[in-house]
């Protein structure tokens, strides 16, 4: 069967002759759960810090990337794609027939908040409203250009590739440079898939923590615990194997002699210290973190919020496995070539 090809660009979205089984990817991640989730956590920490730095408002950033995602989805629906250079050389990008109710429902943000964020993006000169359409200018397009994010994601995927190398169903690992080159060449295809991972991922965390800045503050404490859990495993101090179901309880249970203070969280996350302190107080009231005598924060067992975080962890593990499965299918099993 011939591939669909766009008449204008002559570029075809690839067919995939053979698909990897997501369950095999998930099993591989679980066998290496401690190192896998540590690398994913560090990737997310770096990515969200850069996102916050861009607009100083994560909800606004999520609305922005959602709108860009809609443009790429339309390209995909027409069997088109663009390289990274082609997309960012555009003078403007139009997203037609914007439905604020749809955006509100998918992001779980009130419609009026979505409207306000779009108006703020317009006031900042990043886009303009044109009836029911939104037009991004060059400045708006460049705002979310992911130069460093591609480097971060390529490093993450390379580590997962090495983790699966040698298994009969997977074959050879893929280098970071090959991954980065592939992303840039088939940019709107890959980054559309990445946003389809990230946007629900961020939305789930907002649902649990009420806002994304609180999640980032909590995440810095969790990463500290993940680090100590990894060290405990290396020193054979964990009696039972760590599984996907037991992972989060292991993270909260691990012995941590020192925590992380508000100033360090502010420095890492780029969130103002006063805001960090306010978020920490909320997390303490939710009984999922505690403050020690050195004014450092550590995770705490129990509490309703921890139960919700545990449920989120399972969902997120599956979502990451699905993303990796799709990405490796594109690189190994489709007719997209570097």
Protein backbone atom coordinates (compact mmCIF):
# COMPACT_ATOMS: atom_id res chain seq x y z
CA UNK A 1 0.00 0.00 0.00
CA UNK A 2 1.43 3.39 -0.97
CA UNK A 3 1.98 6.08 1.61
CA UNK A 4 -0.09 9.26 1.75
CA UNK A 5 2.01 12.13 0.43
CA UNK A 6 1.19 15.82 0.61
CA UNK A 7 1.19 17.40 -2.85
CA UNK A 8 2.86 20.61 -1.67
CA UNK A 9 5.62 19.28 0.57
CA UNK A 10 6.05 15.78 -0.88
CA UNK A 11 6.64 14.61 2.70
CA UNK A 12 4.86 11.55 3.95
CA UNK A 13 4.02 10.62 7.50
CA UNK A 14 5.69 7.21 7.91
CA UNK A 15 3.99 3.87 8.02
CA UNK A 16 5.25 1.50 10.69
CA UNK A 17 5.67 -2.05 9.44
CA UNK A 18 6.41 -3.66 12.80
CA UNK A 19 5.52 -2.34 16.23
CA UNK A 20 7.26 -2.85 19.53
CA UNK A 21 5.13 -4.19 22.35
CA UNK A 22 4.64 -1.52 25.01
CA UNK A 23 4.55 -4.21 27.69
CA UNK A 24 8.12 -5.23 26.82
CA UNK A 25 9.23 -1.61 27.16
CA UNK A 26 7.37 -1.34 30.47
CA UNK A 27 8.99 -4.54 31.76
CA UNK A 28 12.43 -3.22 30.82
CA UNK A 29 11.75 0.03 32.67
CA UNK A 30 10.56 -1.86 35.74
CA UNK A 31 13.68 -4.03 35.81
CA UNK A 32 15.70 -0.80 35.95
CA UNK A 33 13.14 1.21 37.88
CA UNK A 34 15.46 3.11 40.20
CA UNK A 35 17.78 4.43 37.50
CA UNK A 36 14.89 4.95 35.06
CA UNK A 37 12.74 7.09 37.31
CA UNK A 38 15.76 9.02 38.55
CA UNK A 39 16.67 10.03 34.98
CA UNK A 40 13.03 10.84 34.15
CA UNK A 41 12.71 12.96 37.29
CA UNK A 42 15.86 14.92 36.47
CA UNK A 43 14.68 15.44 32.90
CA UNK A 44 11.32 16.77 34.08
CA UNK A 45 12.98 19.02 36.64
CA UNK A 46 15.20 20.59 33.97
CA UNK A 47 12.38 20.86 31.40
CA UNK A 48 9.88 22.48 33.77
CA UNK A 49 12.51 24.92 35.11
CA UNK A 50 13.13 26.12 31.56
CA UNK A 51 9.39 26.29 30.90
CA UNK A 52 8.83 28.40 34.01
CA UNK A 53 11.74 30.67 33.10
CA UNK A 54 10.17 31.35 29.68
CA UNK A 55 6.94 32.99 30.87
CA UNK A 56 7.14 32.87 34.71
CA UNK A 57 3.73 31.15 34.57
CA UNK A 58 3.43 27.43 33.89
CA UNK A 59 -0.30 27.47 33.13
CA UNK A 60 0.33 30.12 30.49
CA UNK A 61 3.17 28.04 29.06
CA UNK A 62 0.94 24.96 28.89
CA UNK A 63 -1.73 26.96 27.03
CA UNK A 64 0.96 28.18 24.60
CA UNK A 65 2.30 24.70 23.82
CA UNK A 66 -1.24 23.34 23.55
CA UNK A 67 -1.98 25.88 20.82
CA UNK A 68 1.25 25.05 18.97
CA UNK A 69 0.40 21.36 19.30
CA UNK A 70 -2.90 22.01 17.52
CA UNK A 71 -1.00 23.37 14.51
CA UNK A 72 1.20 20.28 14.37
CA UNK A 73 -1.83 18.03 14.70
CA UNK A 74 -3.37 19.70 11.64
CA UNK A 75 -0.14 19.08 9.74
CA UNK A 76 -0.22 15.43 10.75
CA UNK A 77 -3.87 15.11 9.75
CA UNK A 78 -2.85 16.28 6.27
CA UNK A 79 0.10 13.84 6.24
CA UNK A 80 2.56 16.73 6.45
CA UNK A 81 5.51 17.39 8.68
CA UNK A 82 8.20 20.04 8.99
CA UNK A 83 11.82 19.92 10.05
CA UNK A 84 12.87 22.03 13.02
CA UNK A 85 14.49 24.60 10.72
CA UNK A 86 11.42 24.79 8.49
CA UNK A 87 9.03 25.35 11.38
CA UNK A 88 11.12 28.02 13.09
CA UNK A 89 11.80 29.86 9.85
CA UNK A 90 8.04 30.54 9.57
CA UNK A 91 7.04 34.21 9.79
CA UNK A 92 3.76 33.24 11.42
CA UNK A 93 1.77 30.16 12.41
CA UNK A 94 -2.03 30.12 12.35
CA UNK A 95 -4.22 27.95 14.55
CA UNK A 96 -7.74 28.06 13.19
CA UNK A 97 -11.08 27.77 14.95
CA UNK A 98 -9.85 27.87 18.53
CA UNK A 99 -12.36 26.39 20.96
CA UNK A 100 -11.75 27.70 24.48
CA UNK A 101 -14.15 25.16 25.99
CA UNK A 102 -12.20 22.29 24.41
CA UNK A 103 -8.91 23.72 25.71
CA UNK A 104 -10.46 24.21 29.16
CA UNK A 105 -11.70 20.61 29.26
CA UNK A 106 -8.44 19.06 28.06
CA UNK A 107 -6.22 21.12 30.37
CA UNK A 108 -8.68 21.14 33.27
CA UNK A 109 -8.30 24.91 33.53
CA UNK A 110 -11.39 27.15 33.81
CA UNK A 111 -12.47 28.66 30.49
CA UNK A 112 -12.03 32.20 31.79
CA UNK A 113 -8.50 31.37 32.93
CA UNK A 114 -7.69 30.05 29.45
CA UNK A 115 -9.11 33.23 27.93
CA UNK A 116 -7.04 35.35 30.32
CA UNK A 117 -3.83 33.43 29.50
CA UNK A 118 -4.43 33.86 25.76
CA UNK A 119 -5.04 37.59 26.28
CA UNK A 120 -1.82 37.85 28.30
CA UNK A 121 0.11 36.12 25.51
CA UNK A 122 -1.38 38.66 23.12
CA UNK A 123 -0.40 41.56 25.42
CA UNK A 124 3.16 40.20 25.46
CA UNK A 125 3.25 40.39 21.69
CA UNK A 126 3.51 36.64 21.13
CA UNK A 127 0.26 36.15 19.22
CA UNK A 128 -2.85 37.94 18.02
CA UNK A 129 -6.50 36.98 17.86
CA UNK A 130 -8.10 36.99 14.42
CA UNK A 131 -11.75 36.06 14.83
CA UNK A 132 -11.76 32.45 16.03
CA UNK A 133 -8.17 31.96 14.89
CA UNK A 134 -4.89 32.65 16.67
CA UNK A 135 -1.78 33.75 14.82
CA UNK A 136 1.68 33.33 16.36
CA UNK A 137 4.32 35.73 15.08
CA UNK A 138 8.04 34.91 14.89
CA UNK A 139 8.56 36.01 18.50
CA UNK A 140 5.75 33.74 19.68
CA UNK A 141 7.08 30.81 17.68
CA UNK A 142 10.60 31.30 19.02
CA UNK A 143 9.34 31.49 22.64
CA UNK A 144 9.07 27.73 22.90
CA UNK A 145 11.94 26.74 20.60
CA UNK A 146 13.32 23.64 22.36
CA UNK A 147 17.05 23.80 21.67
CA UNK A 148 18.08 22.69 25.15
CA UNK A 149 15.02 20.46 25.57
CA UNK A 150 16.03 18.40 22.54
CA UNK A 151 19.42 17.88 24.14
CA UNK A 152 17.78 16.84 27.42
CA UNK A 153 15.27 14.51 25.76
CA UNK A 154 17.94 12.94 23.53
CA UNK A 155 20.05 12.17 26.59
CA UNK A 156 17.06 10.60 28.34
CA UNK A 157 16.08 8.46 25.33
CA UNK A 158 19.68 7.35 24.77
CA UNK A 159 19.80 6.03 28.35
CA UNK A 160 16.57 4.09 27.80
CA UNK A 161 17.97 2.77 24.52
CA UNK A 162 21.09 1.47 26.28
CA UNK A 163 18.86 -0.06 28.94
CA UNK A 164 17.05 -2.13 26.28
CA UNK A 165 20.07 -2.88 24.10
CA UNK A 166 20.78 -6.54 23.45
CA UNK A 167 17.24 -7.76 23.94
CA UNK A 168 16.17 -9.67 20.85
CA UNK A 169 13.05 -7.58 20.29
CA UNK A 170 14.93 -4.26 20.52
CA UNK A 171 18.34 -4.68 18.89
CA UNK A 172 21.13 -2.10 19.07
CA UNK A 173 21.03 1.07 21.13
CA UNK A 174 20.76 4.50 19.50
CA UNK A 175 23.23 7.31 20.21
CA UNK A 176 22.27 10.70 21.58
CA UNK A 177 23.43 12.39 18.36
CA UNK A 178 21.33 10.07 16.18
CA UNK A 179 18.29 10.78 18.36
CA UNK A 180 18.81 14.55 18.25
CA UNK A 181 19.30 14.49 14.46
CA UNK A 182 16.14 12.43 14.05
CA UNK A 183 14.07 14.80 16.22
CA UNK A 184 15.27 17.85 14.27
CA UNK A 185 14.61 16.24 10.88
CA UNK A 186 11.08 15.02 11.73
CA UNK A 187 10.46 17.74 14.26
CA UNK A 188 6.70 18.35 14.15
CA UNK A 189 6.00 14.61 14.19
CA UNK A 190 8.21 13.88 17.20
CA UNK A 191 7.52 17.05 19.19
CA UNK A 192 3.76 16.59 18.65
CA UNK A 193 4.14 13.17 20.28
CA UNK A 194 6.25 14.69 23.05
CA UNK A 195 3.60 17.32 23.79
CA UNK A 196 0.98 14.57 23.84
CA UNK A 197 3.02 13.05 26.65
CA UNK A 198 3.81 16.28 28.51
CA UNK A 199 0.48 18.10 28.48
CA UNK A 200 -1.56 15.30 30.15
CA UNK A 201 1.42 14.64 32.45
CA UNK A 202 1.38 18.24 33.66
CA UNK A 203 -2.42 18.28 33.85
CA UNK A 204 -2.47 15.20 36.11
CA UNK A 205 0.01 16.84 38.46
CA UNK A 206 -2.00 20.07 38.55
CA UNK A 207 -5.09 18.06 39.45
CA UNK A 208 -3.26 16.57 42.47
CA UNK A 209 -1.25 19.59 43.66
CA UNK A 210 -3.79 22.31 42.65
CA UNK A 211 -1.11 24.19 40.69
CA UNK A 212 2.06 23.27 38.85
CA UNK A 213 4.39 25.44 40.91
CA UNK A 214 3.45 23.43 44.03
CA UNK A 215 4.20 20.21 42.13
CA UNK A 216 7.65 21.52 41.16
CA UNK A 217 8.42 22.45 44.77
CA UNK A 218 7.36 18.98 45.93
CA UNK A 219 9.29 17.40 43.04
CA UNK A 220 12.59 18.84 44.22
CA UNK A 221 12.09 17.14 47.59
CA UNK A 222 11.08 13.89 45.88
CA UNK A 223 14.21 13.93 43.69
CA UNK A 224 16.36 14.17 46.81
CA UNK A 225 14.62 11.07 48.20
CA UNK A 226 15.00 9.25 44.86
CA UNK A 227 18.73 9.89 44.98
CA UNK A 228 18.98 8.41 48.50
CA UNK A 229 16.84 5.42 47.48
CA UNK A 230 19.29 4.70 44.67
CA UNK A 231 22.24 4.89 47.05
CA UNK A 232 20.46 2.58 49.52
CA UNK A 233 19.89 0.03 46.74
CA UNK A 234 23.56 0.18 45.71
CA UNK A 235 24.55 -0.56 49.31
CA UNK A 236 22.07 -3.48 49.56
CA UNK A 237 20.04 -1.73 52.24
CA UNK A 238 16.64 -2.50 50.67
CA UNK A 239 15.21 -5.85 51.72
CA UNK A 240 12.47 -6.30 49.10
CA UNK A 241 12.72 -5.70 45.32
CA UNK A 242 11.38 -2.29 44.29
CA UNK A 243 8.45 -2.64 41.88
CA UNK A 244 6.23 -0.12 40.13
CA UNK A 245 3.57 -0.64 42.81
CA UNK A 246 6.00 -0.31 45.72
CA UNK A 247 8.25 2.38 44.27
CA UNK A 248 6.56 5.45 45.72
CA UNK A 249 6.30 3.98 49.22
CA UNK A 250 10.03 3.15 48.99
CA UNK A 251 10.76 6.75 48.05
CA UNK A 252 8.85 8.14 51.03
CA UNK A 253 10.28 5.51 53.43
CA UNK A 254 13.96 5.83 52.55
CA UNK A 255 16.14 7.28 55.29
CA UNK A 256 17.33 10.79 54.43
CA UNK A 257 19.74 12.46 56.84
CA UNK A 258 19.46 15.89 55.25
CA UNK A 259 16.58 17.50 53.42
CA UNK A 260 16.43 20.44 51.02
CA UNK A 261 15.72 24.01 52.06
CA UNK A 262 13.50 26.67 50.50
CA UNK A 263 16.42 28.67 49.07
CA UNK A 264 17.82 25.63 47.25
CA UNK A 265 14.40 24.81 45.78
CA UNK A 266 14.05 28.41 44.59
CA UNK A 267 17.52 28.35 43.01
CA UNK A 268 16.85 25.07 41.17
CA UNK A 269 13.27 25.76 40.08
CA UNK A 270 13.66 29.52 39.42
CA UNK A 271 10.41 30.05 41.37
CA UNK A 272 10.67 33.06 43.75
CA UNK A 273 11.62 32.06 47.30
CA UNK A 274 8.51 33.68 48.82
CA UNK A 275 6.34 31.56 46.52
CA UNK A 276 8.35 28.43 47.36
CA UNK A 277 7.82 29.03 51.09
CA UNK A 278 4.08 29.45 50.57
CA UNK A 279 3.90 26.19 48.59
CA UNK A 280 5.96 24.36 51.23
CA UNK A 281 3.53 25.43 53.95
CA UNK A 282 0.63 24.04 51.92
CA UNK A 283 2.46 20.73 51.41
CA UNK A 284 3.18 20.50 55.14
CA UNK A 285 -0.53 21.01 55.86
CA UNK A 286 -1.31 18.18 53.42
CA UNK A 287 0.92 15.95 55.59
CA UNK A 288 3.11 14.76 52.70
CA UNK A 289 6.30 16.60 53.70
CA UNK A 290 7.87 17.65 57.00
CA UNK A 291 10.42 20.24 58.14
CA UNK A 292 13.40 19.16 60.24
CA UNK A 293 15.33 21.15 62.85
CA UNK A 294 17.68 22.50 60.16
CA UNK A 295 14.71 24.03 58.30
CA UNK A 296 15.10 21.43 55.56
CA UNK A 297 12.18 19.59 54.00
CA UNK A 298 11.75 15.85 53.61
CA UNK A 299 8.99 13.57 52.37
CA UNK A 300 6.54 12.05 54.82
CA UNK A 301 4.52 8.83 54.72
CA UNK A 302 0.75 8.68 54.74
CA UNK A 303 -1.85 11.30 54.00
CA UNK A 304 -4.49 11.55 51.29
CA UNK A 305 -2.22 13.48 48.94
CA UNK A 306 0.41 10.72 48.94
CA UNK A 307 -2.25 8.24 47.84
CA UNK A 308 -3.11 10.46 44.88
CA UNK A 309 0.58 10.89 44.02
CA UNK A 310 1.03 7.11 44.05
CA UNK A 311 -1.91 6.69 41.66
CA UNK A 312 -0.40 9.35 39.40
CA UNK A 313 2.95 7.58 39.41
CA UNK A 314 1.42 4.42 37.91
CA UNK A 315 -0.31 6.44 35.18
CA UNK A 316 2.86 8.36 34.41
CA UNK A 317 4.98 5.23 34.19
CA UNK A 318 2.61 3.84 31.56
CA UNK A 319 2.57 7.13 29.66
CA UNK A 320 6.37 7.29 29.51
CA UNK A 321 6.49 3.67 28.30
CA UNK A 322 3.97 4.49 25.54
CA UNK A 323 5.99 7.50 24.44
CA UNK A 324 9.24 5.52 24.31
CA UNK A 325 7.53 2.70 22.41
CA UNK A 326 6.23 5.14 19.79
CA UNK A 327 9.57 6.93 19.51
CA UNK A 328 11.58 3.72 19.05
CA UNK A 329 9.01 2.52 16.51
CA UNK A 330 9.56 5.72 14.52
CA UNK A 331 13.33 5.36 14.59
CA UNK A 332 13.60 1.61 14.11
CA UNK A 333 10.43 0.40 12.38
CA UNK A 334 9.23 3.23 10.13
CA UNK A 335 10.53 4.56 6.84
CA UNK A 336 11.73 7.77 8.51
CA UNK A 337 15.51 7.76 8.18
CA UNK A 338 18.15 10.11 9.53
